[in-house]
Amino acid sequence: MPALRERPGDILLLAEHWLATVCSDYGLPPKTLAPDARERLVAYGWPGNVRELANVIERAALQADTVSVRASHLELREGVLLGPTATTTRSDGPPVSMDDAMREHVRSTLEETGWNISRTAAILRMSRNTLRSRIEKLGLRAGTGAAAAIRRARWRYRCRRRSRRHCGRGWRFRRSAGSGGASR
């Protein structure tokens, strides 16, 4: 089933249906959608689909003092409007999936911070554990590019300088086979 934003004719039909239902459920006098509210409903991107439309109409019907619901009663978020500048797909290719868009956004933010999980999580406004989970889910790896090569070189240098417990490979990694001594 296509998204609500792809069916602008259905938006007004559903909005009027929900408005009539809400008015009867709450015992309100019948209300109608003003022309400015109709334009606003059709221009909105509807990321929450039908549930969001139902919630917006219910809230607007309860807030409207008159028999007409105006655009100011809708309280739709800015920045989700569809128009000539905002599109749902890229114009230079096929539609981008949500996972692809999220993967690109997380990857670019990680590269911007040098794969610093704490800083990236703060920029993306999510917890570090959520970020780690998304990195794993999206299959992102820190291993490409010049920044990754520098990080690997730094890690190898630190690993050589630190004691065996910090290296992550155990004490046998630091000892050579011919060094003698009893194994632990």
C-alpha atoms as a PDB file:
ATOM      1  CA  MET A   1       0.000   0.000   0.000  1.00  0.00           C
ATOM      2  CA  PRO A   2       1.526   3.363  -0.972  1.00  0.00           C
ATOM      3  CA  ALA A   3       2.355   5.965   1.658  1.00  0.00           C
ATOM      4  CA  LEU A   4      -0.242   8.584   2.521  1.00  0.00           C
ATOM      5  CA  ARG A   5       1.929  11.377   1.078  1.00  0.00           C
ATOM      6  CA  GLU A   6       1.690   9.651  -2.318  1.00  0.00           C
ATOM      7  CA  ARG A   7      -2.138   9.756  -2.204  1.00  0.00           C
ATOM      8  CA  PRO A   8      -3.094  13.428  -1.729  1.00  0.00           C
ATOM      9  CA  GLY A   9      -6.730  12.773  -2.694  1.00  0.00           C
ATOM     10  CA  ASP A  10      -7.087  10.282   0.149  1.00  0.00           C
ATOM     11  CA  ILE A  11      -5.687  12.728   2.700  1.00  0.00           C
ATOM     12  CA  LEU A  12      -8.734  14.994   2.592  1.00  0.00           C
ATOM     13  CA  LEU A  13     -11.192  12.083   2.524  1.00  0.00           C
ATOM     14  CA  LEU A  14      -9.559  10.494   5.556  1.00  0.00           C
ATOM     15  CA  ALA A  15      -9.283  13.835   7.358  1.00  0.00           C
ATOM     16  CA  GLU A  16     -12.993  14.533   6.883  1.00  0.00           C
ATOM     17  CA  HIS A  17     -13.857  11.006   8.007  1.00  0.00           C
ATOM     18  CA  TRP A  18     -11.717  11.325  11.154  1.00  0.00           C
ATOM     19  CA  LEU A  19     -13.134  14.776  11.855  1.00  0.00           C
ATOM     20  CA  ALA A  20     -16.725  13.466  11.711  1.00  0.00           C
ATOM     21  CA  THR A  21     -15.790  10.457  13.853  1.00  0.00           C
ATOM     22  CA  VAL A  22     -14.053  12.584  16.491  1.00  0.00           C
ATOM     23  CA  CYS A  23     -16.948  15.047  16.641  1.00  0.00           C
ATOM     24  CA  SER A  24     -19.460  12.253  17.206  1.00  0.00           C
ATOM     25  CA  ASP A  25     -17.229  10.404  19.723  1.00  0.00           C
ATOM     26  CA  TYR A  26     -16.654  13.513  21.843  1.00  0.00           C
ATOM     27  CA  GLY A  27     -20.169  14.935  21.417  1.00  0.00           C
ATOM     28  CA  LEU A  28     -18.920  18.017  19.550  1.00  0.00           C
ATOM     29  CA  PRO A  29     -20.985  19.893  16.968  1.00  0.00           C
ATOM     30  CA  PRO A  30     -20.115  18.828  13.395  1.00  0.00           C
ATOM     31  CA  LYS A  31     -17.004  20.630  12.127  1.00  0.00           C
ATOM     32  CA  THR A  32     -15.516  21.213   8.687  1.00  0.00           C
ATOM     33  CA  LEU A  33     -12.018  21.817   7.374  1.00  0.00           C
ATOM     34  CA  ALA A  34     -11.257  25.395   6.344  1.00  0.00           C
ATOM     35  CA  PRO A  35      -9.550  25.917   2.946  1.00  0.00           C
ATOM     36  CA  ASP A  36      -6.218  26.822   4.592  1.00  0.00           C
ATOM     37  CA  ALA A  37      -6.361  23.615   6.674  1.00  0.00           C
ATOM     38  CA  ARG A  38      -7.053  21.577   3.533  1.00  0.00           C
ATOM     39  CA  GLU A  39      -4.021  23.079   1.777  1.00  0.00           C
ATOM     40  CA  ARG A  40      -1.829  22.448   4.793  1.00  0.00           C
ATOM     41  CA  LEU A  41      -2.949  18.821   5.109  1.00  0.00           C
ATOM     42  CA  VAL A  42      -2.187  18.084   1.447  1.00  0.00           C
ATOM     43  CA  ALA A  43       1.181  19.901   1.571  1.00  0.00           C
ATOM     44  CA  TYR A  44       2.387  18.028   4.674  1.00  0.00           C
ATOM     45  CA  GLY A  45       4.741  15.043   4.159  1.00  0.00           C
ATOM     46  CA  TRP A  46       3.004  12.639   6.615  1.00  0.00           C
ATOM     47  CA  PRO A  47       5.963  10.660   7.956  1.00  0.00           C
ATOM     48  CA  GLY A  48       3.651   9.026  10.518  1.00  0.00           C
ATOM     49  CA  ASN A  49       1.107   8.073   7.846  1.00  0.00           C
ATOM     50  CA  VAL A  50      -2.567   7.460   8.738  1.00  0.00           C
ATOM     51  CA  ARG A  51      -2.110   7.294  12.516  1.00  0.00           C
ATOM     52  CA  GLU A  52      -0.482  10.695  12.541  1.00  0.00           C
ATOM     53  CA  LEU A  53      -3.304  12.108  10.418  1.00  0.00           C
ATOM     54  CA  ALA A  54      -5.904  10.702  12.836  1.00  0.00           C
ATOM     55  CA  ASN A  55      -4.073  12.168  15.851  1.00  0.00           C
ATOM     56  CA  VAL A  56      -3.673  15.581  14.208  1.00  0.00           C
ATOM     57  CA  ILE A  57      -7.372  15.730  13.284  1.00  0.00           C
ATOM     58  CA  GLU A  58      -8.469  14.629  16.763  1.00  0.00           C
ATOM     59  CA  ARG A  59      -6.293  17.256  18.444  1.00  0.00           C
ATOM     60  CA  ALA A  60      -7.447  19.970  16.009  1.00  0.00           C
ATOM     61  CA  ALA A  61     -11.126  19.131  16.492  1.00  0.00           C
ATOM     62  CA  LEU A  62     -10.762  19.377  20.256  1.00  0.00           C
ATOM     63  CA  GLN A  63      -8.871  22.688  20.059  1.00  0.00           C
ATOM     64  CA  ALA A  64     -11.101  24.410  17.499  1.00  0.00           C
ATOM     65  CA  ASP A  65     -13.623  26.768  19.117  1.00  0.00           C
ATOM     66  CA  THR A  66     -15.610  27.306  15.931  1.00  0.00           C
ATOM     67  CA  VAL A  67     -17.302  24.921  13.510  1.00  0.00           C
ATOM     68  CA  SER A  68     -14.369  25.319  11.149  1.00  0.00           C
ATOM     69  CA  VAL A  69     -10.936  23.758  11.762  1.00  0.00           C
ATOM     70  CA  ARG A  70      -8.209  26.141  10.565  1.00  0.00           C
ATOM     71  CA  ALA A  71      -4.565  25.430   9.703  1.00  0.00           C
ATOM     72  CA  SER A  72      -3.457  26.977  13.003  1.00  0.00           C
ATOM     73  CA  HIS A  73      -5.354  24.232  14.863  1.00  0.00           C
ATOM     74  CA  LEU A  74      -3.476  21.454  13.060  1.00  0.00           C
ATOM     75  CA  GLU A  75      -0.099  22.064  14.748  1.00  0.00           C
ATOM     76  CA  LEU A  76       1.874  20.247  12.053  1.00  0.00           C
ATOM     77  CA  ARG A  77       5.654  20.266  12.365  1.00  0.00           C
ATOM     78  CA  GLU A  78       7.586  22.546  10.057  1.00  0.00           C
ATOM     79  CA  GLY A  79      10.158  21.047   7.701  1.00  0.00           C
ATOM     80  CA  VAL A  80       8.008  18.093   6.632  1.00  0.00           C
ATOM     81  CA  LEU A  81       6.126  19.994   3.961  1.00  0.00           C
ATOM     82  CA  LEU A  82       6.293  18.653   0.445  1.00  0.00           C
ATOM     83  CA  GLY A  83       6.910  21.115  -2.301  1.00  0.00           C
ATOM     84  CA  PRO A  84       9.290  21.960  -5.116  1.00  0.00           C
ATOM     85  CA  THR A  85      12.308  22.013  -2.771  1.00  0.00           C
ATOM     86  CA  ALA A  86      11.441  18.976  -0.644  1.00  0.00           C
ATOM     87  CA  THR A  87      11.141  15.630  -2.388  1.00  0.00           C
ATOM     88  CA  THR A  88      10.828  12.096  -1.145  1.00  0.00           C
ATOM     89  CA  THR A  89      13.357  10.644  -3.607  1.00  0.00           C
ATOM     90  CA  ARG A  90      16.576  11.767  -5.182  1.00  0.00           C
ATOM     91  CA  SER A  91      16.080  13.212  -8.637  1.00  0.00           C
ATOM     92  CA  ASP A  92      19.320  11.732 -10.000  1.00  0.00           C
ATOM     93  CA  GLY A  93      18.491   8.073  -9.366  1.00  0.00           C
ATOM     94  CA  PRO A  94      16.181   5.491  -7.891  1.00  0.00           C
ATOM     95  CA  PRO A  95      14.470   6.024  -4.536  1.00  0.00           C
ATOM     96  CA  VAL A  96      16.698   5.713  -1.489  1.00  0.00           C
ATOM     97  CA  SER A  97      15.638   3.278   1.232  1.00  0.00           C
ATOM     98  CA  MET A  98      15.487   4.364   4.859  1.00  0.00           C
ATOM     99  CA  ASP A  99      18.359   2.006   5.755  1.00  0.00           C
ATOM    100  CA  ASP A 100      20.527   3.448   2.983  1.00  0.00           C
ATOM    101  CA  ALA A 101      19.818   7.016   4.089  1.00  0.00           C
ATOM    102  CA  MET A 102      20.500   6.137   7.730  1.00  0.00           C
ATOM    103  CA  ARG A 103      23.682   4.239   6.802  1.00  0.00           C
ATOM    104  CA  GLU A 104      25.005   7.229   4.853  1.00  0.00           C
ATOM    105  CA  HIS A 105      24.130   9.706   7.615  1.00  0.00           C
ATOM    106  CA  VAL A 106      25.704   7.618  10.392  1.00  0.00           C
ATOM    107  CA  ARG A 107      28.773   6.816   8.261  1.00  0.00           C
ATOM    108  CA  SER A 108      29.398  10.458   7.372  1.00  0.00           C
ATOM    109  CA  THR A 109      29.004  11.540  11.001  1.00  0.00           C
ATOM    110  CA  LEU A 110      31.366   8.777  12.152  1.00  0.00           C
ATOM    111  CA  GLU A 111      33.972   9.835   9.599  1.00  0.00           C
ATOM    112  CA  GLU A 112      33.526  13.470  10.612  1.00  0.00           C
ATOM    113  CA  THR A 113      34.366  12.568  14.229  1.00  0.00           C
ATOM    114  CA  GLY A 114      37.103  10.089  13.358  1.00  0.00           C
ATOM    115  CA  TRP A 115      34.896   7.176  14.477  1.00  0.00           C
ATOM    116  CA  ASN A 116      34.667   8.581  18.002  1.00  0.00           C
ATOM    117  CA  ILE A 117      31.544   6.829  19.283  1.00  0.00           C
ATOM    118  CA  SER A 118      30.862   9.278  22.133  1.00  0.00           C
ATOM    119  CA  ARG A 119      31.093  12.379  19.950  1.00  0.00           C
ATOM    120  CA  THR A 120      29.091  10.780  17.140  1.00  0.00           C
ATOM    121  CA  ALA A 121      26.353   9.702  19.553  1.00  0.00           C
ATOM    122  CA  ALA A 122      26.174  13.237  20.958  1.00  0.00           C
ATOM    123  CA  ILE A 123      25.889  14.758  17.479  1.00  0.00           C
ATOM    124  CA  LEU A 124      23.188  12.268  16.461  1.00  0.00           C
ATOM    125  CA  ARG A 125      21.437  12.704  19.826  1.00  0.00           C
ATOM    126  CA  MET A 126      21.360   9.022  20.719  1.00  0.00           C
ATOM    127  CA  SER A 127      23.027   6.845  23.325  1.00  0.00           C
ATOM    128  CA  ARG A 128      26.351   5.160  22.596  1.00  0.00           C
ATOM    129  CA  ASN A 129      24.727   1.733  22.868  1.00  0.00           C
ATOM    130  CA  THR A 130      22.090   2.699  20.308  1.00  0.00           C
ATOM    131  CA  LEU A 131      24.812   3.978  17.989  1.00  0.00           C
ATOM    132  CA  ARG A 132      26.822   0.762  18.379  1.00  0.00           C
ATOM    133  CA  SER A 133      23.691  -1.251  17.613  1.00  0.00           C
ATOM    134  CA  ARG A 134      23.000   0.816  14.488  1.00  0.00           C
ATOM    135  CA  ILE A 135      26.620   0.464  13.342  1.00  0.00           C
ATOM    136  CA  GLU A 136      26.319  -3.299  13.650  1.00  0.00           C
ATOM    137  CA  LYS A 137      22.836  -3.430  12.051  1.00  0.00           C
ATOM    138  CA  LEU A 138      23.906  -1.253   9.119  1.00  0.00           C
ATOM    139  CA  GLY A 139      27.152  -3.179   8.613  1.00  0.00           C
ATOM    140  CA  LEU A 140      29.451  -0.191   9.004  1.00  0.00           C
ATOM    141  CA  ARG A 141      33.156  -0.849   9.492  1.00  0.00           C
ATOM    142  CA  ALA A 142      35.967   1.479  10.472  1.00  0.00           C
ATOM    143  CA  GLY A 143      38.574   0.369   8.034  1.00  0.00           C
ATOM    144  CA  THR A 144      38.473   2.475   4.944  1.00  0.00           C
ATOM    145  CA  GLY A 145      40.097   5.780   4.163  1.00  0.00           C
ATOM    146  CA  ALA A 146      43.174   7.627   5.390  1.00  0.00           C
ATOM    147  CA  ALA A 147      41.738   8.319   8.843  1.00  0.00           C
ATOM    148  CA  ALA A 148      41.274   4.586   9.435  1.00  0.00           C
ATOM    149  CA  ALA A 149      44.866   3.859   8.379  1.00  0.00           C
ATOM    150  CA  ILE A 150      46.136   6.464  10.853  1.00  0.00           C
ATOM    151  CA  ARG A 151      43.998   4.962  13.633  1.00  0.00           C
ATOM    152  CA  ARG A 152      45.330   1.465  12.903  1.00  0.00           C
ATOM    153  CA  ALA A 153      48.906   2.708  12.964  1.00  0.00           C
ATOM    154  CA  ARG A 154      48.334   4.477  16.286  1.00  0.00           C
ATOM    155  CA  TRP A 155      46.746   1.348  17.740  1.00  0.00           C
ATOM    156  CA  ARG A 156      49.709  -0.822  16.661  1.00  0.00           C
ATOM    157  CA  TYR A 157      52.120   1.676  18.208  1.00  0.00           C
ATOM    158  CA  ARG A 158      50.171   1.758  21.496  1.00  0.00           C
ATOM    159  CA  CYS A 159      49.922  -2.011  21.483  1.00  0.00           C
ATOM    160  CA  ARG A 160      53.685  -2.389  21.215  1.00  0.00           C
ATOM    161  CA  ARG A 161      54.307   0.089  24.022  1.00  0.00           C
ATOM    162  CA  ARG A 162      51.703  -1.164  26.473  1.00  0.00           C
ATOM    163  CA  SER A 163      51.904  -4.213  28.633  1.00  0.00           C
ATOM    164  CA  ARG A 164      50.419  -7.473  27.418  1.00  0.00           C
ATOM    165  CA  ARG A 165      47.122  -6.975  29.281  1.00  0.00           C
ATOM    166  CA  HIS A 166      46.316  -3.877  27.225  1.00  0.00           C
ATOM    167  CA  CYS A 167      47.126  -5.365  23.870  1.00  0.00           C
ATOM    168  CA  GLY A 168      44.033  -7.481  23.691  1.00  0.00           C
ATOM    169  CA  ARG A 169      45.851 -10.583  22.474  1.00  0.00           C
ATOM    170  CA  GLY A 170      47.206 -11.933  25.753  1.00  0.00           C
ATOM    171  CA  TRP A 171      50.702 -12.348  27.086  1.00  0.00           C
ATOM    172  CA  ARG A 172      51.728 -14.982  24.509  1.00  0.00           C
ATOM    173  CA  PHE A 173      51.524 -12.395  21.767  1.00  0.00           C
ATOM    174  CA  ARG A 174      54.319 -10.350  23.362  1.00  0.00           C
ATOM    175  CA  ARG A 175      56.648 -13.280  24.098  1.00  0.00           C
ATOM    176  CA  SER A 176      58.544 -14.981  21.364  1.00  0.00           C
ATOM    177  CA  ALA A 177      58.563 -18.785  21.152  1.00  0.00           C
ATOM    178  CA  GLY A 178      62.289 -19.041  21.893  1.00  0.00           C
ATOM    179  CA  SER A 179      62.366 -16.704  24.901  1.00  0.00           C
ATOM    180  CA  GLY A 180      62.253 -19.537  27.404  1.00  0.00           C
ATOM    181  CA  GLY A 181      60.372 -19.406  30.643  1.00  0.00           C
ATOM    182  CA  ALA A 182      57.412 -21.321  31.824  1.00  0.00           C
ATOM    183  CA  SER A 183      54.004 -20.721  30.460  1.00  0.00           C
ATOM    184  CA  ARG A 184      51.371 -19.522  32.852  1.00  0.00           C
END
